Amino acid sequence: MNVLFITISWPIKGNYNLYSDLMLEFVKHGHSVYTASIGDNSVTDTCLSVEQGINVIRVSSGKVQRTNKYVKVINSFMAGSKIRHAVVKYCKNMNFDLIIFTTPPITMILEVIRIKNYFKAPLYLLLKDIWPQDTVDIGGMTKGGLVWSVFRWLEKKTYKASNYIGCMSPASKQYIIRENDYINPNIVEVCPNSQKDRSSSVERDPGLRKRYAIPTDAVLFIYGGNIGVPQGIDFLFDIARAVKEDENKYLLIVGGGTEYERLKQGLDIITAKNVKLMPTLDKYEYDSLVAESDVGLILLHPNAEVPNFPSRLLSYIQVGKPVISAVDDATDIGIITEYYGCGINCRNGDIEKFSSAMEYFMDEEKRKQAGENARKLFLRCYTTEKGYDIITGHFATDRNEGCESEYAIKGG
């Protein structure tokens, strides 16, 4: 097949992320792949290059990530037309068999629809955020208002234009079907985040602890990823206070985002010697830190009413790490990890249960068993082979059946 992949989150050359891993799986199976995405700040002119067998179109545009919400919205609206012009310029003679589009942002959907019509190809939506409700839940938008109405209209256009909708978890699939009764439920399926299995190349390096001044005999709890309002990072203050007096526990927070400075200031006041905050690291360095850690942490805002599925889960379970999830009532990530015996689930804000979960994983044997289960869960549900099979199953006669049935939990 000839495949066109449209996203704002393509990695810089030489790096990787969930999307590049998935497209490399397509290349591995002999498909021709083009990707179109917003280039990083160094991209001043739109260009086409071949990277690991993928034809990568990097479009010159303003920042749409890690910037304030007004700049993000404006630039993401403008990005759609720039991507469409670039795709037509470089691919006008192509006959695409499949177009894959990832959200966020839904602001590009009108241009994606034009691309779909131009190439007369089916559209597969990888739904990563349920927007605008995500923003409503954390107080960033008023439901029923003019701005909300515009984005809700765009959301509906996105679903109506999609031939297939891949959701990140069983709970998000049920939510989309329940809240959008105009959608044919047969086109909605679970197609979660997936990544290439790199566990064999990521080894524990005790020297990392020394380099970052982390005690070698402490149980290392790591939180990695975005540090913003949707993550409900206020709870990290409670966690820091809870571990402050226990030198056998160490809390490491790695990432960046709109709440980073506020988090830093709050942790400075708490002055816990066994808590460290670090900015975003190189992907390879971060993966090595995760491998050297003992337990992974996931946080989501407690007020969220739509299911989310943070990609950091894959970084943890790929290398066999137990997971503690402090999330909202709608999200099923903690329920899934509990079901498969590799995590403990609690509500963001419940410090008593969270502290109990940390205490549980102070036991080395319990960590070992949960870690083995985490690794099994990754191989069962979250490798790029699984994502590839789910998507291409709609277009191939030799579909690998039972992909979605790998999820024992159907309801979240």
Protein backbone atom coordinates (compact mmCIF):
# COMPACT_ATOMS: atom_id res chain seq x y z
CA MET A 1 0.00 0.00 0.00
CA ASN A 2 0.89 3.64 -0.39
CA VAL A 3 0.31 5.28 3.00
CA LEU A 4 0.14 8.97 3.96
CA PHE A 5 0.57 9.78 7.64
CA ILE A 6 -0.38 13.26 8.92
CA THR A 7 0.64 14.43 12.40
CA ILE A 8 2.15 17.33 14.33
CA SER A 9 4.37 15.05 16.39
CA TRP A 10 7.01 13.61 14.08
CA PRO A 11 10.41 13.34 15.81
CA ILE A 12 13.50 15.26 14.79
CA LYS A 13 15.86 13.38 12.51
CA GLY A 14 17.75 10.68 14.36
CA ASN A 15 15.17 10.38 17.13
CA TYR A 16 11.99 8.33 17.42
CA ASN A 17 8.51 8.35 18.92
CA LEU A 18 5.33 6.28 18.83
CA TYR A 19 4.42 7.48 15.34
CA SER A 20 7.78 6.91 13.69
CA ASP A 21 7.86 3.43 15.23
CA LEU A 22 4.44 2.63 13.77
CA MET A 23 5.35 3.91 10.31
CA LEU A 24 8.59 1.94 10.35
CA GLU A 25 6.45 -1.13 10.93
CA PHE A 26 4.61 -0.30 7.70
CA VAL A 27 7.94 0.06 5.89
CA LYS A 28 9.08 -3.25 7.36
CA HIS A 29 6.09 -4.92 5.71
CA GLY A 30 6.88 -3.44 2.30
CA HIS A 31 4.55 -0.45 2.21
CA SER A 32 5.51 2.95 0.78
CA VAL A 33 5.12 5.61 3.48
CA TYR A 34 4.94 9.40 3.30
CA THR A 35 4.57 11.50 6.44
CA ALA A 36 3.65 15.17 6.64
CA SER A 37 4.22 17.08 9.85
CA ILE A 38 5.17 20.40 11.38
CA GLY A 39 8.94 20.79 11.41
CA ASP A 40 10.87 21.80 14.50
CA ASN A 41 12.15 25.35 14.91
CA SER A 42 15.18 24.63 12.73
CA VAL A 43 12.99 23.96 9.68
CA THR A 44 12.77 27.31 7.88
CA ASP A 45 11.74 25.89 4.50
CA THR A 46 9.35 23.03 3.83
CA CYS A 47 11.35 20.05 2.61
CA LEU A 48 11.20 16.37 1.73
CA SER A 49 13.79 13.88 2.92
CA VAL A 50 14.05 10.10 3.16
CA GLU A 51 14.66 8.83 6.70
CA GLN A 52 14.94 5.09 7.35
CA GLY A 53 12.90 4.39 4.26
CA ILE A 54 10.15 6.89 5.14
CA ASN A 55 9.49 9.91 2.93
CA VAL A 56 9.31 12.72 5.49
CA ILE A 57 7.76 16.09 4.58
CA ARG A 58 8.66 18.67 7.22
CA VAL A 59 6.49 21.76 6.95
CA SER A 60 7.74 25.15 8.07
CA SER A 61 5.22 26.58 10.53
CA GLY A 62 4.88 28.16 13.96
CA LYS A 63 5.10 26.18 17.18
CA VAL A 64 2.09 24.03 18.02
CA GLN A 65 3.55 22.25 21.04
CA ARG A 66 4.96 23.44 24.36
CA THR A 67 3.68 26.98 23.90
CA ASN A 68 0.76 28.96 25.30
CA LYS A 69 -2.75 27.89 24.27
CA TYR A 70 -3.46 30.96 22.11
CA VAL A 71 -0.33 30.56 19.99
CA LYS A 72 -0.98 26.82 19.80
CA VAL A 73 -4.53 27.24 18.47
CA ILE A 74 -3.61 29.92 15.93
CA ASN A 75 -0.62 28.02 14.58
CA SER A 76 -2.46 24.70 14.46
CA PHE A 77 -5.22 26.25 12.37
CA MET A 78 -2.61 27.66 9.98
CA ALA A 79 -0.65 24.40 9.92
CA GLY A 80 -3.44 22.52 8.16
CA SER A 81 -3.31 24.50 4.94
CA LYS A 82 0.50 24.47 4.94
CA ILE A 83 0.53 20.70 5.28
CA ARG A 84 -2.06 20.31 2.52
CA HIS A 85 -0.05 22.48 0.11
CA ALA A 86 3.12 20.53 0.92
CA VAL A 87 1.42 17.15 0.44
CA VAL A 88 -0.02 18.17 -2.92
CA LYS A 89 3.34 19.59 -3.99
CA TYR A 90 5.37 16.47 -3.18
CA CYS A 91 2.73 13.76 -3.64
CA LYS A 92 0.44 14.96 -6.43
CA ASN A 93 1.31 11.97 -8.60
CA MET A 94 0.85 9.43 -5.81
CA ASN A 95 -2.12 7.09 -5.48
CA PHE A 96 -2.56 6.68 -1.74
CA ASP A 97 -4.40 3.61 -0.48
CA LEU A 98 -4.67 4.87 3.08
CA ILE A 99 -4.41 8.16 4.97
CA ILE A 100 -3.75 8.08 8.71
CA PHE A 101 -4.39 11.22 10.75
CA THR A 102 -3.63 11.70 14.43
CA THR A 103 -5.38 14.03 16.83
CA PRO A 104 -4.59 16.36 18.41
CA PRO A 105 -5.15 18.75 16.76
CA ILE A 106 -8.68 18.63 15.34
CA THR A 107 -8.02 22.13 13.99
CA MET A 108 -6.47 20.58 10.86
CA ILE A 109 -9.43 18.39 9.98
CA LEU A 110 -10.90 20.64 7.25
CA GLU A 111 -7.61 20.49 5.35
CA VAL A 112 -7.26 16.77 6.03
CA ILE A 113 -10.69 16.27 4.49
CA ARG A 114 -9.51 18.16 1.40
CA ILE A 115 -6.45 15.89 1.23
CA LYS A 116 -8.69 12.84 1.59
CA ASN A 117 -10.92 14.01 -1.25
CA TYR A 118 -7.93 14.92 -3.44
CA PHE A 119 -6.44 11.43 -3.20
CA LYS A 120 -9.79 9.61 -2.83
CA ALA A 121 -8.36 7.46 -0.06
CA PRO A 122 -9.91 6.10 3.17
CA LEU A 123 -9.05 7.91 6.39
CA TYR A 124 -7.98 6.14 9.59
CA LEU A 125 -8.15 8.37 12.68
CA LEU A 126 -5.75 7.67 15.53
CA LEU A 127 -7.65 9.39 18.32
CA LYS A 128 -5.20 10.42 21.03
CA ASP A 129 -7.17 13.22 22.72
CA ILE A 130 -10.93 13.62 23.05
CA TRP A 131 -11.19 17.34 22.43
CA PRO A 132 -12.66 19.81 23.38
CA GLN A 133 -14.04 17.94 26.41
CA ASP A 134 -10.50 17.38 27.72
CA THR A 135 -10.07 21.14 27.99
CA VAL A 136 -13.51 21.68 29.52
CA ASP A 137 -12.68 19.20 32.30
CA ILE A 138 -9.65 21.17 33.47
CA GLY A 139 -11.35 24.56 33.26
CA GLY A 140 -9.76 25.74 30.03
CA MET A 141 -13.03 26.15 28.13
CA THR A 142 -16.72 26.60 28.93
CA LYS A 143 -19.05 23.93 27.61
CA GLY A 144 -21.80 25.46 25.49
CA GLY A 145 -19.87 28.64 24.77
CA LEU A 146 -18.99 29.97 21.32
CA VAL A 147 -15.40 28.67 21.34
CA TRP A 148 -16.54 25.26 22.57
CA SER A 149 -19.20 25.14 19.84
CA VAL A 150 -16.59 25.73 17.14
CA PHE A 151 -14.33 22.99 18.43
CA ARG A 152 -17.19 20.58 19.02
CA TRP A 153 -18.22 21.15 15.38
CA LEU A 154 -14.67 20.36 14.29
CA GLU A 155 -14.68 17.25 16.47
CA LYS A 156 -17.85 16.00 14.80
CA LYS A 157 -16.41 16.76 11.35
CA THR A 158 -13.36 14.68 12.31
CA TYR A 159 -15.40 11.63 13.28
CA LYS A 160 -17.75 11.89 10.30
CA ALA A 161 -14.83 12.12 7.87
CA SER A 162 -13.11 9.05 9.31
CA ASN A 163 -13.62 5.63 7.80
CA TYR A 164 -12.17 4.07 10.95
CA ILE A 165 -11.51 5.46 14.42
CA GLY A 166 -8.79 3.91 16.57
CA CYS A 167 -9.17 4.69 20.29
CA MET A 168 -6.48 4.27 22.91
CA SER A 169 -8.39 2.02 25.32
CA PRO A 170 -11.69 0.18 25.80
CA ALA A 171 -13.01 3.05 27.94
CA SER A 172 -12.26 5.68 25.29
CA LYS A 173 -13.93 3.51 22.64
CA GLN A 174 -17.08 3.27 24.74
CA TYR A 175 -17.00 7.01 25.45
CA ILE A 176 -16.80 7.93 21.75
CA ILE A 177 -19.68 5.62 20.86
CA ARG A 178 -21.81 6.79 23.79
CA GLU A 179 -21.29 10.54 23.27
CA ASN A 180 -21.54 10.50 19.46
CA ASP A 181 -24.59 8.47 18.48
CA TYR A 182 -24.33 9.58 14.84
CA ILE A 183 -21.19 7.43 14.43
CA ASN A 184 -21.47 3.88 13.16
CA PRO A 185 -20.10 1.94 16.17
CA ASN A 186 -18.64 -0.67 13.83
CA ILE A 187 -15.94 1.78 12.67
CA VAL A 188 -14.73 2.45 16.24
CA GLU A 189 -12.11 0.12 17.69
CA VAL A 190 -9.29 -0.07 20.19
CA CYS A 191 -5.98 0.83 18.54
CA PRO A 192 -3.79 1.96 21.43
CA ASN A 193 -0.42 3.64 21.62
CA SER A 194 2.24 1.23 20.44
CA GLN A 195 6.00 1.28 20.12
CA LYS A 196 8.88 -0.81 18.91
CA ASP A 197 10.26 -3.20 21.47
CA ARG A 198 13.67 -1.78 22.41
CA SER A 199 14.06 -3.58 25.70
CA SER A 200 17.08 -5.53 24.46
CA SER A 201 18.95 -2.28 23.77
CA VAL A 202 17.97 -0.58 27.03
CA GLU A 203 20.01 -1.95 29.91
CA ARG A 204 20.21 -0.93 33.53
CA ASP A 205 23.17 1.34 34.13
CA PRO A 206 23.94 1.80 37.83
CA GLY A 207 26.26 4.63 36.83
CA LEU A 208 23.20 6.72 36.02
CA ARG A 209 22.24 6.92 39.68
CA LYS A 210 25.67 8.17 40.59
CA ARG A 211 25.59 10.71 37.77
CA TYR A 212 22.29 12.13 38.98
CA ALA A 213 23.12 11.81 42.69
CA ILE A 214 20.41 9.22 43.35
CA PRO A 215 21.13 6.78 46.22
CA THR A 216 21.86 3.31 44.86
CA ASP A 217 19.99 1.56 47.68
CA ALA A 218 16.77 3.61 47.47
CA VAL A 219 13.66 2.40 45.66
CA LEU A 220 13.38 4.78 42.72
CA PHE A 221 9.91 6.00 41.73
CA ILE A 222 9.94 7.87 38.43
CA TYR A 223 7.41 10.20 36.82
CA GLY A 224 8.28 11.12 33.25
CA GLY A 225 6.53 13.13 30.56
CA ASN A 226 4.45 16.25 30.24
CA ILE A 227 4.14 18.52 33.27
CA GLY A 228 0.95 20.46 32.63
CA VAL A 229 -2.55 21.08 33.92
CA PRO A 230 -4.02 17.87 32.39
CA GLN A 231 -1.60 15.81 34.48
CA GLY A 232 -2.92 17.15 37.80
CA ILE A 233 0.62 17.76 39.00
CA ASP A 234 -0.51 19.34 42.30
CA PHE A 235 -0.61 15.78 43.57
CA LEU A 236 3.17 15.60 43.15
CA PHE A 237 3.43 18.05 46.05
CA ASP A 238 1.51 15.60 48.24
CA ILE A 239 3.71 12.72 47.10
CA ALA A 240 6.87 14.73 47.79
CA ARG A 241 5.69 15.48 51.33
CA ALA A 242 4.79 11.82 51.85
CA VAL A 243 8.26 10.53 50.91
CA LYS A 244 10.24 13.39 52.45
CA GLU A 245 10.96 11.57 55.69
CA ASP A 246 11.67 8.16 54.14
CA GLU A 247 15.21 7.94 52.82
CA ASN A 248 14.50 4.47 51.41
CA LYS A 249 12.25 6.05 48.77
CA TYR A 250 13.37 8.43 46.01
CA LEU A 251 11.05 10.40 43.73
CA LEU A 252 12.43 11.47 40.34
CA ILE A 253 10.36 13.75 38.09
CA VAL A 254 11.52 14.24 34.50
CA GLY A 255 9.79 16.34 31.87
CA GLY A 256 8.62 19.74 30.77
CA GLY A 257 5.48 21.74 30.21
CA THR A 258 3.44 24.72 31.26
CA GLU A 259 3.47 23.78 34.97
CA TYR A 260 7.19 23.01 35.23
CA GLU A 261 8.19 26.28 36.88
CA ARG A 262 5.32 26.19 39.34
CA LEU A 263 6.21 22.61 40.22
CA LYS A 264 9.84 23.60 40.71
CA GLN A 265 8.91 26.47 43.03
CA GLY A 266 6.62 24.25 45.09
CA LEU A 267 9.23 21.51 45.46
CA ASP A 268 11.82 24.09 46.49
CA ILE A 269 9.55 25.03 49.39
CA ILE A 270 9.06 21.40 50.42
CA THR A 271 12.86 20.87 50.39
CA ALA A 272 12.81 17.08 50.23
CA LYS A 273 16.33 15.73 49.71
CA ASN A 274 14.95 12.56 48.16
CA VAL A 275 12.94 14.35 45.47
CA LYS A 276 14.52 15.56 42.23
CA LEU A 277 13.00 17.51 39.33
CA MET A 278 14.78 17.42 35.97
CA PRO A 279 13.94 18.97 32.59
CA THR A 280 13.17 16.86 29.52
CA LEU A 281 16.01 14.53 28.61
CA ASP A 282 17.18 13.01 25.37
CA LYS A 283 14.93 10.02 24.60
CA TYR A 284 17.76 7.52 24.91
CA GLU A 285 18.92 8.95 28.25
CA TYR A 286 15.38 8.98 29.58
CA ASP A 287 14.77 5.37 28.57
CA SER A 288 17.96 4.38 30.37
CA LEU A 289 16.74 6.18 33.50
CA VAL A 290 13.43 4.34 33.33
CA ALA A 291 15.31 1.04 33.05
CA GLU A 292 17.32 1.97 36.14
CA SER A 293 14.19 2.94 38.10
CA ASP A 294 12.01 0.58 40.13
CA VAL A 295 8.42 1.87 39.74
CA GLY A 296 6.78 4.14 37.15
CA LEU A 297 4.17 6.76 38.05
CA ILE A 298 1.24 8.05 35.99
CA LEU A 299 -0.81 11.13 36.93
CA LEU A 300 -3.92 12.62 35.37
CA HIS A 301 -6.13 15.52 36.46
CA PRO A 302 -8.82 14.26 38.88
CA ASN A 303 -11.61 16.28 37.22
CA ALA A 304 -11.27 14.72 33.78
CA GLU A 305 -14.45 13.07 32.51
CA VAL A 306 -12.99 11.56 29.36
CA PRO A 307 -10.63 8.57 29.33
CA ASN A 308 -6.95 9.26 28.62
CA PHE A 309 -4.04 6.91 28.10
CA PRO A 310 -0.60 8.53 28.66
CA SER A 311 2.11 7.17 26.39
CA ARG A 312 4.56 7.04 29.30
CA LEU A 313 2.92 3.75 30.28
CA LEU A 314 4.72 2.06 27.39
CA SER A 315 8.12 3.34 28.52
CA TYR A 316 7.53 1.73 31.90
CA ILE A 317 6.07 -1.64 30.99
CA GLN A 318 8.36 -2.21 28.00
CA VAL A 319 11.27 -2.60 30.42
CA GLY A 320 9.20 -4.44 33.00
CA LYS A 321 8.40 -1.76 35.58
CA PRO A 322 5.39 -1.83 37.91
CA VAL A 323 3.08 1.18 37.62
CA ILE A 324 1.16 3.28 40.13
CA SER A 325 -1.62 5.30 38.49
CA ALA A 326 -3.19 8.33 40.17
CA VAL A 327 -5.89 9.24 37.69
CA ASP A 328 -9.53 10.30 37.22
CA ASP A 329 -12.62 8.12 37.42
CA ALA A 330 -13.09 7.85 33.63
CA THR A 331 -9.63 6.62 32.68
CA ASP A 332 -9.05 2.87 32.62
CA ILE A 333 -5.24 2.79 32.48
CA GLY A 334 -4.95 1.91 36.16
CA ILE A 335 -7.73 -0.65 35.95
CA ILE A 336 -5.96 -2.40 33.08
CA THR A 337 -2.59 -2.53 34.85
CA GLU A 338 -4.26 -3.84 38.01
CA TYR A 339 -6.09 -6.51 36.02
CA TYR A 340 -2.84 -7.73 34.49
CA GLY A 341 -1.08 -7.71 37.85
CA CYS A 342 1.45 -5.01 37.05
CA GLY A 343 0.10 -1.93 38.78
CA ILE A 344 -2.01 -0.29 41.44
CA ASN A 345 -4.78 2.17 40.65
CA CYS A 346 -5.98 5.09 42.78
CA ARG A 347 -7.64 8.45 42.32
CA ASN A 348 -5.48 11.54 41.90
CA GLY A 349 -5.63 13.22 45.31
CA ASP A 350 -5.93 10.06 47.40
CA ILE A 351 -2.54 10.27 49.06
CA GLU A 352 -3.39 7.57 51.58
CA LYS A 353 -3.96 4.91 48.92
CA PHE A 354 -1.06 6.19 46.82
CA SER A 355 1.31 5.98 49.81
CA SER A 356 0.04 2.46 50.48
CA ALA A 357 0.83 1.55 46.86
CA MET A 358 4.35 2.92 47.20
CA GLU A 359 4.81 0.92 50.38
CA TYR A 360 3.58 -2.23 48.63
CA PHE A 361 6.27 -1.90 45.96
CA MET A 362 9.02 -1.43 48.53
CA ASP A 363 9.03 -5.24 48.56
CA GLU A 364 11.55 -6.46 45.96
CA GLU A 365 9.73 -9.70 45.22
CA LYS A 366 6.45 -7.89 44.60
CA ARG A 367 8.21 -5.48 42.26
CA LYS A 368 9.81 -8.37 40.41
CA GLN A 369 6.52 -10.21 39.88
CA ALA A 370 4.66 -7.06 38.83
CA GLY A 371 7.53 -6.17 36.50
CA GLU A 372 7.33 -9.53 34.77
CA ASN A 373 3.59 -9.05 34.32
CA ALA A 374 4.20 -5.55 32.94
CA ARG A 375 6.52 -6.92 30.31
CA LYS A 376 3.93 -9.54 29.30
CA LEU A 377 1.26 -6.83 29.00
CA PHE A 378 3.48 -4.78 26.71
CA LEU A 379 4.11 -7.71 24.39
CA ARG A 380 0.45 -8.68 24.44
CA CYS A 381 -1.10 -5.32 23.60
CA TYR A 382 1.29 -2.47 22.87
CA THR A 383 3.93 -3.38 20.29
CA THR A 384 3.92 -1.76 16.85
CA GLU A 385 3.11 -5.16 15.37
CA LYS A 386 -0.23 -5.03 17.21
CA GLY A 387 -0.99 -1.49 16.02
CA TYR A 388 -0.02 -2.38 12.46
CA ASP A 389 -2.23 -5.49 12.44
CA ILE A 390 -5.26 -3.55 13.72
CA ILE A 391 -4.97 -0.81 11.08
CA THR A 392 -4.07 -2.90 8.06
CA GLY A 393 -6.61 -5.56 8.97
CA HIS A 394 -9.25 -3.43 7.30
CA PHE A 395 -7.38 -3.53 4.00
CA ALA A 396 -5.62 -6.91 3.96
CA THR A 397 -7.13 -10.31 3.18
CA ASP A 398 -4.76 -12.01 5.62
CA ARG A 399 -5.79 -10.01 8.69
CA ASN A 400 -4.48 -11.25 12.03
CA GLU A 401 -7.75 -11.77 13.88
CA GLY A 402 -8.27 -11.13 17.58
CA CYS A 403 -6.20 -7.96 17.92
CA GLU A 404 -8.79 -6.03 19.88
CA SER A 405 -9.82 -9.13 21.85
CA GLU A 406 -6.38 -9.08 23.48
CA TYR A 407 -7.95 -6.61 25.93
CA ALA A 408 -9.57 -8.67 28.67
CA ILE A 409 -11.20 -5.52 30.04
CA LYS A 410 -13.89 -4.24 27.72
CA GLY A 411 -15.52 -1.52 29.72
CA GLY A 412 -12.73 0.31 31.47
